[in-house]
Amino acid sequence: MEFTASQIASFINGRIIGNDQAIIKGVAPIESAEGGHLSFVAQSRFVDQIPNSKCSVIIVSEKLLTDIPYQPTIIAVEDAYLSFQVLMNLYQEMQDRKSGIEDGVVCHETATLGENVYVGAFTCISEKVKIGAGSQIYPQVYIGKNVKIGKNCVLYSGVRIYDYCVIGDNCIIHSNSVIGSDGFGFQPTKDGYQKIPQLGNVILEDHVEIGSNCSIDRGTIGSTIIGKGTKIDNLIQIAHNVKIGQHNVIAAQAGIAGSTVIGDWNQIGGQAGIAGHIQIGNQVKIQAQSGVNKKPKDGESLYGSPAINASDYRRNYVHFRNFTDIVKRINNLELNSKDNTNE
C-alpha cells in the first residue's frame, strides 16, 4: 500500500513541513531508511540524522525540531513514538483478514463458529467449542472440548488450547504456546509420587497477549487467571491457580509458581522467579533475574535473589564489590591490634 505524507499526517494530527505529497511505500529505522520509507525520531540522540536522511518522510516530536532546513518531509507531532505506534496499528487493521475454513480442518459438528472466522489447514476443533466473530485460527492449532474463544482473537500456528479453557475478546496467542496444560501437582507416597488430577482451567480475559513457547497451567481446582490487558513475553511458565491482574507486563523466561496472586500494572523483568503462595500488589517493578519469595510493598522496585528493595540492593552492592578489600583491612586492623596488645 502507498500513502502520501498528507494522508499520514491526517491519521495522527501532524503538522507537515515540506512536500505533503511525498509518497510512502514502507517503513524503516532512521539509520537505514531509503527513499519511499517512513521513519520516526522521538529521542534527541537521533536528531543529527534528520536533516540529510534519505527517507521520504519522518515523524518527529515537536520539541526536537529546529529552524534548520530538512531534506525529508517532516510530520511534527507531540510524541513521535506514540504517533508511529498509532500508524502501525492502523496499518495492521488495514491488512486483509482471512475468513473461511481451509482444507484439512477437523471441526466437530457441535462446534460453533462466528461470522468471518478463519480456520487454517490441519487445525482440530473439538466438540462444543465456541469461537467468536472475526477470530483468526492459523494452521495446525488444537482446540480442546468446551473451549470458548472470544471475538477478534488470533491463534498462531501450533497453539494448543486444552479442554474447558476460556479466551476473551481480542486476545493474541503466539506459536507453540500451551494454554491449560496440567499443573505440576504430585503427592509423595511410599510408592513414589502420585499425580494429583488437575480439574480446573485457564481463563484469559480480554486484550491479553501471550508470546511464543509459553506454558500456562490449568488450576488444580478452579482457574488460573490472566487479567485484562496483560502482556506475556516468550518462554514463560505460569503455574496452576496463579491469578494475575490487569495490565501487567512479564518479560521472557520469567517463572511464576503455583497459587501466587499478582495485582495490577506490575512490571516483571526477564528471568525473574516468583515463589508460590505469595501475593504481589500493584505497580511493583521486579527487575531481571530477581527471585521474589515474600510480599513486596505496592509501588516498590525489587532486585536480587532473594529480592530486596532495589535501592537497598544498590547501596549494599557498593560494599559487596569491595568486600575482599574490606576483609583485608579488617584483618590488618586485627593484626595491628594484637601487635599493640603484645607490646
Protein backbone atom coordinates (compact mmCIF):
# COMPACT_ATOMS: atom_id res chain seq x y z
CA MET A 1 0.00 0.00 0.00
CA GLU A 2 1.08 3.55 -0.71
CA PHE A 3 0.28 6.70 1.28
CA THR A 4 1.11 10.38 0.95
CA ALA A 5 2.59 12.46 3.73
CA SER A 6 -0.71 14.36 3.88
CA GLN A 7 -2.67 11.16 4.47
CA ILE A 8 -0.27 10.03 7.19
CA ALA A 9 -0.47 13.43 8.91
CA SER A 10 -4.27 13.28 8.92
CA PHE A 11 -4.19 9.99 10.84
CA ILE A 12 -2.04 11.42 13.65
CA ASN A 13 -2.97 15.14 13.63
CA GLY A 14 0.52 16.07 12.48
CA ARG A 15 1.92 19.35 11.08
CA ILE A 16 3.69 18.95 7.73
CA ILE A 17 7.00 20.65 6.95
CA GLY A 18 7.92 20.08 3.31
CA ASN A 19 6.24 18.16 0.48
CA ASP A 20 2.81 16.98 1.62
CA GLN A 21 2.56 14.69 -1.45
CA ALA A 22 5.70 12.69 -0.68
CA ILE A 23 4.94 9.01 -1.29
CA ILE A 24 5.47 6.36 1.39
CA LYS A 25 5.79 2.71 0.38
CA GLY A 26 7.30 1.22 3.55
CA VAL A 27 8.81 1.89 6.96
CA ALA A 28 12.38 1.64 8.26
CA PRO A 29 14.62 2.79 11.13
CA ILE A 30 16.11 6.25 10.66
CA GLU A 31 19.63 4.76 10.37
CA SER A 32 18.84 2.57 7.34
CA ALA A 33 15.84 4.26 5.69
CA GLU A 34 15.82 4.88 1.93
CA GLY A 35 13.60 6.82 -0.47
CA GLY A 36 9.93 5.91 -0.11
CA HIS A 37 10.37 4.99 3.56
CA LEU A 38 8.65 6.44 6.60
CA SER A 39 10.57 6.68 9.88
CA PHE A 40 10.29 8.46 13.20
CA VAL A 41 12.53 10.26 15.71
CA ALA A 42 11.45 10.51 19.33
CA GLN A 43 14.87 10.78 21.04
CA SER A 44 17.45 13.56 20.91
CA ARG A 45 20.30 11.16 20.08
CA PHE A 46 18.86 10.69 16.57
CA VAL A 47 18.28 14.38 15.83
CA ASP A 48 21.54 14.80 13.87
CA GLN A 49 20.36 12.19 11.35
CA ILE A 50 17.18 14.06 10.40
CA PRO A 51 18.41 16.85 8.05
CA ASN A 52 20.09 14.63 5.46
CA SER A 53 18.23 11.36 5.87
CA LYS A 54 17.36 9.55 2.64
CA CYS A 55 13.87 8.56 3.81
CA SER A 56 10.94 10.43 2.33
CA VAL A 57 9.00 11.26 5.48
CA ILE A 58 9.98 11.41 9.16
CA ILE A 59 7.62 11.77 12.09
CA VAL A 60 9.38 13.95 14.68
CA SER A 61 8.45 15.13 18.18
CA GLU A 62 7.91 18.92 18.12
CA LYS A 63 10.40 19.52 20.94
CA LEU A 64 13.24 18.10 18.81
CA LEU A 65 12.73 20.37 15.79
CA THR A 66 14.84 23.43 14.99
CA ASP A 67 14.74 26.09 12.26
CA ILE A 68 17.33 24.39 10.03
CA PRO A 69 16.19 23.12 6.61
CA TYR A 70 15.30 19.43 6.33
CA GLN A 71 15.70 17.30 3.22
CA PRO A 72 12.89 14.82 4.06
CA THR A 73 9.31 15.86 4.63
CA ILE A 74 8.70 16.26 8.36
CA ILE A 75 5.46 15.46 10.19
CA ALA A 76 5.65 17.25 13.53
CA VAL A 77 3.67 15.73 16.41
CA GLU A 78 3.67 15.96 20.19
CA ASP A 79 5.04 12.43 20.69
CA ALA A 80 6.61 10.74 17.66
CA TYR A 81 6.85 7.33 19.30
CA LEU A 82 3.16 7.15 20.19
CA SER A 83 2.13 8.55 16.80
CA PHE A 84 4.20 5.92 14.98
CA GLN A 85 2.58 3.25 17.15
CA VAL A 86 -0.87 4.53 16.14
CA LEU A 87 0.09 4.25 12.48
CA MET A 88 1.38 0.69 12.88
CA ASN A 89 -1.90 -0.35 14.50
CA LEU A 90 -3.89 1.28 11.70
CA TYR A 91 -1.76 -0.44 9.09
CA GLN A 92 -2.29 -3.81 10.72
CA GLU A 93 -6.05 -3.25 10.77
CA MET A 94 -5.98 -2.46 7.05
CA GLN A 95 -4.35 -5.77 6.19
CA ASP A 96 -6.71 -8.27 4.61
CA ARG A 97 -8.11 -10.60 7.25
CA LYS A 98 -8.82 -14.14 6.17
CA SER A 99 -12.14 -15.90 6.55
CA GLY A 100 -13.43 -19.38 5.84
CA ILE A 101 -12.22 -22.88 6.59
CA GLU A 102 -9.25 -24.32 4.72
CA ASP A 103 -8.83 -27.91 3.57
CA GLY A 104 -7.79 -30.48 6.15
CA VAL A 105 -9.58 -28.89 9.11
CA VAL A 106 -11.27 -31.24 11.57
CA CYS A 107 -14.22 -29.42 13.12
CA HIS A 108 -16.69 -31.25 15.37
CA GLU A 109 -20.32 -30.88 14.35
CA THR A 110 -21.22 -29.39 17.75
CA ALA A 111 -18.66 -26.55 17.45
CA THR A 112 -19.98 -23.02 16.83
CA LEU A 113 -18.03 -20.54 14.70
CA GLY A 114 -19.00 -16.87 14.46
CA GLU A 115 -19.08 -14.72 11.34
CA ASN A 116 -15.87 -14.17 9.36
CA VAL A 117 -13.86 -16.70 11.35
CA TYR A 118 -10.76 -18.08 9.63
CA VAL A 119 -9.54 -21.60 10.37
CA GLY A 120 -6.26 -22.71 8.79
CA ALA A 121 -5.41 -26.13 7.39
CA PHE A 122 -4.97 -29.13 9.71
CA THR A 123 -6.47 -27.38 12.72
CA CYS A 124 -8.55 -29.53 15.07
CA ILE A 125 -11.64 -28.03 16.72
CA SER A 126 -13.22 -30.34 19.30
CA GLU A 127 -16.79 -30.76 20.48
CA LYS A 128 -18.84 -27.83 21.83
CA VAL A 129 -16.12 -25.28 21.06
CA LYS A 130 -17.34 -21.70 20.57
CA ILE A 131 -15.28 -19.22 18.52
CA GLY A 132 -16.33 -15.56 18.28
CA ALA A 133 -16.73 -13.47 15.15
CA GLY A 134 -13.62 -12.38 13.28
CA SER A 135 -11.18 -14.65 15.09
CA GLN A 136 -8.21 -16.00 13.14
CA ILE A 137 -7.14 -19.57 13.85
CA TYR A 138 -3.97 -20.37 11.91
CA PRO A 139 -2.95 -23.83 10.63
CA GLN A 140 -2.16 -26.73 12.96
CA VAL A 141 -3.89 -25.37 16.05
CA TYR A 142 -5.54 -27.74 18.52
CA ILE A 143 -8.62 -26.57 20.44
CA GLY A 144 -9.97 -28.97 23.09
CA LYS A 145 -13.58 -29.63 24.00
CA ASN A 146 -15.81 -26.93 25.53
CA VAL A 147 -13.23 -24.22 24.87
CA LYS A 148 -14.63 -20.70 24.43
CA ILE A 149 -12.74 -18.18 22.29
CA GLY A 150 -13.97 -14.60 22.01
CA LYS A 151 -14.18 -12.14 19.14
CA ASN A 152 -11.23 -10.96 17.03
CA CYS A 153 -8.69 -13.30 18.61
CA VAL A 154 -5.57 -14.54 16.82
CA LEU A 155 -4.14 -18.01 17.49
CA TYR A 156 -0.95 -18.60 15.54
CA SER A 157 0.22 -21.96 14.22
CA GLY A 158 0.98 -24.63 16.76
CA VAL A 159 -1.06 -23.19 19.63
CA ARG A 160 -2.67 -25.79 21.91
CA ILE A 161 -5.75 -24.95 23.98
CA TYR A 162 -6.75 -27.69 26.41
CA ASP A 163 -10.33 -28.60 27.38
CA TYR A 164 -12.63 -26.07 29.09
CA CYS A 165 -10.30 -23.08 28.82
CA VAL A 166 -11.76 -19.63 28.15
CA ILE A 167 -10.16 -16.99 25.91
CA GLY A 168 -11.63 -13.46 25.97
CA ASP A 169 -12.04 -10.95 23.14
CA ASN A 170 -9.10 -9.50 21.20
CA CYS A 171 -6.52 -11.93 22.57
CA ILE A 172 -3.36 -12.98 20.73
CA ILE A 173 -1.55 -16.26 21.36
CA HIS A 174 1.70 -16.87 19.52
CA SER A 175 3.04 -20.10 18.11
CA ASN A 176 3.62 -23.19 20.21
CA SER A 177 2.17 -21.83 23.42
CA VAL A 178 0.10 -24.23 25.52
CA ILE A 179 -2.91 -22.97 27.45
CA GLY A 180 -4.31 -25.34 30.06
CA SER A 181 -1.59 -27.96 30.47
CA ASP A 182 -1.62 -29.88 33.75
CA GLY A 183 -0.26 -28.15 36.81
CA PHE A 184 2.80 -29.69 38.45
CA GLY A 185 0.89 -31.46 41.22
CA PHE A 186 2.16 -34.70 42.78
CA GLN A 187 1.60 -36.27 46.19
CA PRO A 188 4.57 -38.13 47.75
CA THR A 189 3.65 -41.66 48.93
CA LYS A 190 5.63 -44.71 50.00
CA ASP A 191 5.36 -45.94 46.41
CA GLY A 192 6.56 -42.69 44.82
CA TYR A 193 4.90 -39.53 43.59
CA GLN A 194 1.24 -39.89 42.69
CA LYS A 195 -0.29 -37.47 40.23
CA ILE A 196 -2.98 -35.11 41.57
CA PRO A 197 -5.70 -34.64 38.94
CA GLN A 198 -5.79 -31.11 37.53
CA LEU A 199 -9.50 -30.42 37.11
CA GLY A 200 -9.60 -26.64 36.63
CA ASN A 201 -9.00 -24.47 33.57
CA VAL A 202 -7.30 -21.30 32.35
CA ILE A 203 -9.10 -18.01 31.75
CA LEU A 204 -7.55 -15.29 29.61
CA GLU A 205 -9.50 -12.07 29.92
CA ASP A 206 -9.89 -9.52 27.09
CA HIS A 207 -6.87 -8.00 25.31
CA VAL A 208 -4.34 -10.48 26.70
CA GLU A 209 -1.31 -11.33 24.56
CA ILE A 210 0.75 -14.49 25.09
CA GLY A 211 4.15 -14.85 23.42
CA SER A 212 5.52 -17.98 21.78
CA ASN A 213 6.50 -21.16 23.65
CA CYS A 214 4.72 -20.26 26.88
CA SER A 215 3.02 -22.73 29.23
CA ILE A 216 0.06 -21.66 31.34
CA ASP A 217 -1.12 -24.48 33.60
CA ARG A 218 -4.74 -25.14 34.43
CA GLY A 219 -5.88 -24.89 38.04
CA THR A 220 -5.94 -27.97 40.21
CA ILE A 221 -9.43 -26.86 41.26
CA GLY A 222 -10.72 -23.55 39.93
CA SER A 223 -8.98 -21.37 37.39
CA THR A 224 -5.60 -19.94 36.51
CA ILE A 225 -6.49 -16.37 35.50
CA ILE A 226 -4.63 -13.84 33.32
CA GLY A 227 -6.26 -10.43 33.72
CA LYS A 228 -7.41 -7.95 31.11
CA GLY A 229 -4.69 -6.24 29.09
CA THR A 230 -1.80 -8.29 30.49
CA LYS A 231 1.08 -8.92 28.06
CA ILE A 232 3.26 -12.00 28.43
CA ASP A 233 6.54 -12.40 26.55
CA ASN A 234 8.03 -15.61 25.10
CA LEU A 235 9.21 -18.64 27.09
CA ILE A 236 7.26 -18.03 30.28
CA GLN A 237 5.90 -20.57 32.76
CA ILE A 238 2.80 -19.75 34.80
CA ALA A 239 1.82 -22.48 37.24
CA HIS A 240 -1.56 -23.75 38.41
CA ASN A 241 -4.02 -21.46 40.18
CA VAL A 242 -1.92 -18.32 39.63
CA LYS A 243 -4.07 -15.20 39.41
CA ILE A 244 -2.63 -12.25 37.51
CA GLY A 245 -4.48 -8.93 37.48
CA GLN A 246 -4.89 -6.31 34.79
CA HIS A 247 -2.29 -4.61 32.59
CA ASN A 248 0.80 -6.45 33.79
CA VAL A 249 3.86 -6.95 31.58
CA ILE A 250 6.04 -10.03 32.06
CA ALA A 251 9.33 -10.38 30.18
CA ALA A 252 10.87 -13.54 28.72
CA GLN A 253 11.87 -16.59 30.76
CA ALA A 254 10.07 -15.50 33.91
CA GLY A 255 8.50 -18.20 36.07
CA ILE A 256 5.58 -17.84 38.48
CA ALA A 257 4.94 -20.68 40.92
CA GLY A 258 1.54 -22.03 41.92
CA SER A 259 -1.23 -20.08 43.67
CA THR A 260 0.62 -16.76 43.54
CA VAL A 261 -1.66 -13.71 43.28
CA ILE A 262 -0.42 -10.69 41.32
CA GLY A 263 -2.26 -7.36 41.24
CA ASP A 264 -2.44 -4.68 38.51
CA TRP A 265 0.11 -2.70 36.49
CA ASN A 266 3.17 -4.65 37.61
CA GLN A 267 6.37 -4.99 35.58
CA ILE A 268 8.21 -8.31 35.85
CA GLY A 269 11.66 -8.49 34.25
CA GLY A 270 13.22 -11.31 32.26
CA GLN A 271 14.27 -14.50 34.08
CA ALA A 272 12.58 -13.35 37.27
CA GLY A 273 11.27 -16.09 39.53
CA ILE A 274 8.31 -15.71 41.88
CA ALA A 275 7.73 -18.23 44.66
CA GLY A 276 4.36 -19.88 45.15
CA HIS A 277 1.56 -18.85 47.51
CA ILE A 278 2.66 -15.22 47.87
CA GLN A 279 0.90 -12.01 46.97
CA ILE A 280 2.24 -9.16 44.85
CA GLY A 281 0.19 -5.98 44.89
CA ASN A 282 0.09 -3.17 42.36
CA GLN A 283 2.70 -1.21 40.38
CA VAL A 284 5.59 -3.33 41.61
CA LYS A 285 8.73 -3.47 39.44
CA ILE A 286 10.64 -6.74 39.63
CA GLN A 287 13.97 -6.36 37.89
CA ALA A 288 15.51 -9.05 35.70
CA GLN A 289 16.81 -12.25 37.33
CA SER A 290 15.28 -11.39 40.69
CA GLY A 291 13.90 -14.08 42.96
CA VAL A 292 10.84 -12.97 44.91
CA ASN A 293 9.85 -15.00 47.97
CA LYS A 294 7.80 -12.59 50.06
CA LYS A 295 5.16 -9.91 49.59
CA PRO A 296 6.54 -6.52 48.44
CA LYS A 297 5.00 -3.12 49.08
CA ASP A 298 2.84 -1.54 46.38
CA GLY A 299 4.95 0.55 44.03
CA GLU A 300 8.21 -0.98 45.25
CA SER A 301 11.11 -1.84 42.94
CA LEU A 302 12.86 -5.14 43.71
CA TYR A 303 16.19 -6.66 42.74
CA GLY A 304 18.35 -9.60 43.75
CA SER A 305 17.77 -13.15 44.93
CA PRO A 306 16.17 -13.25 47.36
CA ALA A 307 14.82 -9.92 46.12
CA ILE A 308 15.04 -6.82 48.27
CA ASN A 309 14.30 -3.16 47.66
CA ALA A 310 16.31 -2.16 44.59
CA SER A 311 17.71 1.00 46.23
CA ASP A 312 18.89 -1.02 49.23
CA TYR A 313 20.44 -3.56 46.89
CA ARG A 314 22.42 -0.90 45.02
CA ARG A 315 23.71 0.62 48.28
CA ASN A 316 24.73 -2.79 49.57
CA TYR A 317 26.34 -3.75 46.28
CA VAL A 318 28.79 -0.86 46.60
CA HIS A 319 30.14 -2.60 49.71
CA PHE A 320 29.86 -6.10 48.29
CA ARG A 321 32.07 -5.44 45.28
CA ASN A 322 34.72 -4.07 47.65
CA PHE A 323 34.26 -6.90 50.13
CA THR A 324 37.67 -8.52 49.54
CA ASP A 325 39.44 -5.25 50.26
CA ILE A 326 37.24 -4.65 53.32
CA VAL A 327 38.15 -8.10 54.74
CA LYS A 328 41.85 -7.42 54.21
CA ARG A 329 41.55 -4.10 56.05
CA ILE A 330 39.75 -5.77 58.94
CA ASN A 331 42.40 -8.50 59.13
CA ASN A 332 45.14 -5.86 59.12
CA LEU A 333 43.40 -3.95 61.89
CA GLU A 334 43.13 -7.12 63.97
CA LEU A 335 46.82 -7.94 63.44
CA ASN A 336 47.84 -4.42 64.41
CA SER A 337 45.59 -4.64 67.45
CA LYS A 338 47.23 -7.91 68.55
CA ASP A 339 50.72 -6.48 67.98
CA ASN A 340 49.88 -3.45 70.12
CA THR A 341 48.49 -5.68 72.85
CA ASN A 342 51.63 -7.84 72.88
CA GLU A 343 53.78 -4.76 73.27
